[in-house]
Amino acid sequence: MTRNEKIRIVEQINAYADKVFCDVDTDKTQVSVKLEMLRPEMERLAEKHELALEDIFVMYMDLNSVQKAQEELQLKEMLADIPGMPKDEMPFEF
């Protein structure tokens, strides 16, 4: 499976998440509950691509963590351009 195919699968899961989490406070909801809410889409994609559910889960977690790290780096770079902003630390935690 190519990286682009993996990214497409994760995008589909994220689109599904946008629908099922619309009425959920994701900051206050346990990760296990959120993953259970995503399970139907992950199962559908696992069957479609002839992969184990666990493989879809790992792919989703891996690619999302890479995306979050990239977003944090972009934010740090953007904040570094602000005069007086510390260069090597975030002014707040996510």
C-alpha atoms as a PDB file:
ATOM      1  CA  MET A   1       0.000   0.000   0.000  1.00  0.00           C
ATOM      2  CA  THR A   2       1.394   3.380  -0.954  1.00  0.00           C
ATOM      3  CA  ARG A   3       1.703   6.325   1.407  1.00  0.00           C
ATOM      4  CA  ASN A   4      -0.960   8.172  -0.608  1.00  0.00           C
ATOM      5  CA  GLU A   5      -3.372   5.264  -0.160  1.00  0.00           C
ATOM      6  CA  LYS A   6      -2.721   5.277   3.586  1.00  0.00           C
ATOM      7  CA  ILE A   7      -3.273   9.028   3.721  1.00  0.00           C
ATOM      8  CA  ARG A   8      -6.564   8.615   1.819  1.00  0.00           C
ATOM      9  CA  ILE A   9      -7.746   6.006   4.347  1.00  0.00           C
ATOM     10  CA  VAL A  10      -6.886   8.298   7.255  1.00  0.00           C
ATOM     11  CA  GLU A  11      -8.676  11.188   5.513  1.00  0.00           C
ATOM     12  CA  GLN A  12     -11.780   9.002   5.221  1.00  0.00           C
ATOM     13  CA  ILE A  13     -11.627   8.163   8.925  1.00  0.00           C
ATOM     14  CA  ASN A  14     -11.165  11.839   9.779  1.00  0.00           C
ATOM     15  CA  ALA A  15     -14.163  12.788   7.616  1.00  0.00           C
ATOM     16  CA  TYR A  16     -16.216  10.151   9.423  1.00  0.00           C
ATOM     17  CA  ALA A  17     -14.944  11.508  12.754  1.00  0.00           C
ATOM     18  CA  ASP A  18     -16.140  14.996  11.802  1.00  0.00           C
ATOM     19  CA  LYS A  19     -19.642  13.557  11.405  1.00  0.00           C
ATOM     20  CA  VAL A  20     -19.819  11.356  14.500  1.00  0.00           C
ATOM     21  CA  PHE A  21     -18.063  13.783  16.843  1.00  0.00           C
ATOM     22  CA  CYS A  22     -20.212  16.798  15.938  1.00  0.00           C
ATOM     23  CA  ASP A  23     -22.176  16.577  19.212  1.00  0.00           C
ATOM     24  CA  VAL A  24     -19.310  15.259  21.362  1.00  0.00           C
ATOM     25  CA  ASP A  25     -16.910  17.264  23.473  1.00  0.00           C
ATOM     26  CA  THR A  26     -13.775  15.512  22.256  1.00  0.00           C
ATOM     27  CA  ASP A  27     -11.615  17.192  24.898  1.00  0.00           C
ATOM     28  CA  LYS A  28     -13.668  15.583  27.672  1.00  0.00           C
ATOM     29  CA  THR A  29     -14.260  12.220  25.989  1.00  0.00           C
ATOM     30  CA  GLN A  30     -11.917   9.308  26.669  1.00  0.00           C
ATOM     31  CA  VAL A  31      -9.779   8.163  23.755  1.00  0.00           C
ATOM     32  CA  SER A  32     -11.192   4.640  24.051  1.00  0.00           C
ATOM     33  CA  VAL A  33     -14.737   6.003  23.607  1.00  0.00           C
ATOM     34  CA  LYS A  34     -13.703   8.056  20.590  1.00  0.00           C
ATOM     35  CA  LEU A  35     -11.998   5.054  19.009  1.00  0.00           C
ATOM     36  CA  GLU A  36     -15.087   2.949  19.604  1.00  0.00           C
ATOM     37  CA  MET A  37     -17.116   5.614  17.786  1.00  0.00           C
ATOM     38  CA  LEU A  38     -14.710   5.345  14.829  1.00  0.00           C
ATOM     39  CA  ARG A  39     -14.769   1.554  14.810  1.00  0.00           C
ATOM     40  CA  PRO A  40     -17.543   1.127  12.200  1.00  0.00           C
ATOM     41  CA  GLU A  41     -15.618   3.177   9.635  1.00  0.00           C
ATOM     42  CA  MET A  42     -12.341   1.480  10.485  1.00  0.00           C
ATOM     43  CA  GLU A  43     -14.005  -1.928  10.075  1.00  0.00           C
ATOM     44  CA  ARG A  44     -15.490  -0.879   6.724  1.00  0.00           C
ATOM     45  CA  LEU A  45     -12.107   0.300   5.466  1.00  0.00           C
ATOM     46  CA  ALA A  46     -10.329  -2.788   6.794  1.00  0.00           C
ATOM     47  CA  GLU A  47     -12.735  -5.010   4.878  1.00  0.00           C
ATOM     48  CA  LYS A  48     -12.546  -2.867   1.733  1.00  0.00           C
ATOM     49  CA  HIS A  49      -8.732  -2.925   1.677  1.00  0.00           C
ATOM     50  CA  GLU A  50      -8.439  -6.493   2.986  1.00  0.00           C
ATOM     51  CA  LEU A  51      -6.523  -5.400   6.068  1.00  0.00           C
ATOM     52  CA  ALA A  52      -6.828  -6.302   9.724  1.00  0.00           C
ATOM     53  CA  LEU A  53      -8.700  -3.810  11.874  1.00  0.00           C
ATOM     54  CA  GLU A  54      -5.538  -3.468  13.966  1.00  0.00           C
ATOM     55  CA  ASP A  55      -3.580  -2.417  10.877  1.00  0.00           C
ATOM     56  CA  ILE A  56      -6.101   0.332  10.123  1.00  0.00           C
ATOM     57  CA  PHE A  57      -5.929   1.487  13.741  1.00  0.00           C
ATOM     58  CA  VAL A  58      -2.099   1.635  13.725  1.00  0.00           C
ATOM     59  CA  MET A  59      -2.108   3.447  10.375  1.00  0.00           C
ATOM     60  CA  TYR A  60      -4.618   5.975  11.707  1.00  0.00           C
ATOM     61  CA  MET A  61      -2.696   6.612  14.920  1.00  0.00           C
ATOM     62  CA  ASP A  62       0.686   6.848  13.161  1.00  0.00           C
ATOM     63  CA  LEU A  63      -0.367   9.241  10.417  1.00  0.00           C
ATOM     64  CA  ASN A  64      -2.393  11.422  12.773  1.00  0.00           C
ATOM     65  CA  SER A  65       0.556  11.751  15.163  1.00  0.00           C
ATOM     66  CA  VAL A  66       2.807  12.773  12.256  1.00  0.00           C
ATOM     67  CA  GLN A  67       0.214  15.331  11.165  1.00  0.00           C
ATOM     68  CA  LYS A  68      -0.069  16.767  14.693  1.00  0.00           C
ATOM     69  CA  ALA A  69       3.729  17.040  14.957  1.00  0.00           C
ATOM     70  CA  GLN A  70       3.837  18.885  11.626  1.00  0.00           C
ATOM     71  CA  GLU A  71       1.087  21.256  12.738  1.00  0.00           C
ATOM     72  CA  GLU A  72       2.955  21.988  15.990  1.00  0.00           C
ATOM     73  CA  LEU A  73       6.169  22.677  14.069  1.00  0.00           C
ATOM     74  CA  GLN A  74       4.319  25.043  11.724  1.00  0.00           C
ATOM     75  CA  LEU A  75       2.827  26.849  14.704  1.00  0.00           C
ATOM     76  CA  LYS A  76       6.252  27.195  16.332  1.00  0.00           C
ATOM     77  CA  GLU A  77       7.659  28.607  13.099  1.00  0.00           C
ATOM     78  CA  MET A  78       4.766  31.036  12.802  1.00  0.00           C
ATOM     79  CA  LEU A  79       5.117  32.159  16.428  1.00  0.00           C
ATOM     80  CA  ALA A  80       8.879  32.559  16.016  1.00  0.00           C
ATOM     81  CA  ASP A  81       8.156  35.404  13.584  1.00  0.00           C
ATOM     82  CA  ILE A  82       6.381  37.389  16.318  1.00  0.00           C
ATOM     83  CA  PRO A  83       8.728  39.886  17.983  1.00  0.00           C
ATOM     84  CA  GLY A  84       9.463  39.044  21.623  1.00  0.00           C
ATOM     85  CA  MET A  85       8.207  35.450  21.352  1.00  0.00           C
ATOM     86  CA  PRO A  86      10.541  32.811  22.888  1.00  0.00           C
ATOM     87  CA  LYS A  87      12.273  30.895  20.094  1.00  0.00           C
ATOM     88  CA  ASP A  88      12.514  27.383  21.537  1.00  0.00           C
ATOM     89  CA  GLU A  89       9.409  27.023  23.655  1.00  0.00           C
ATOM     90  CA  MET A  90       5.694  27.166  23.206  1.00  0.00           C
ATOM     91  CA  PRO A  91       3.912  29.876  25.157  1.00  0.00           C
ATOM     92  CA  PHE A  92       1.143  27.364  25.902  1.00  0.00           C
ATOM     93  CA  GLU A  93       0.552  23.628  25.701  1.00  0.00           C
ATOM     94  CA  PHE A  94      -1.970  21.874  23.469  1.00  0.00           C
END
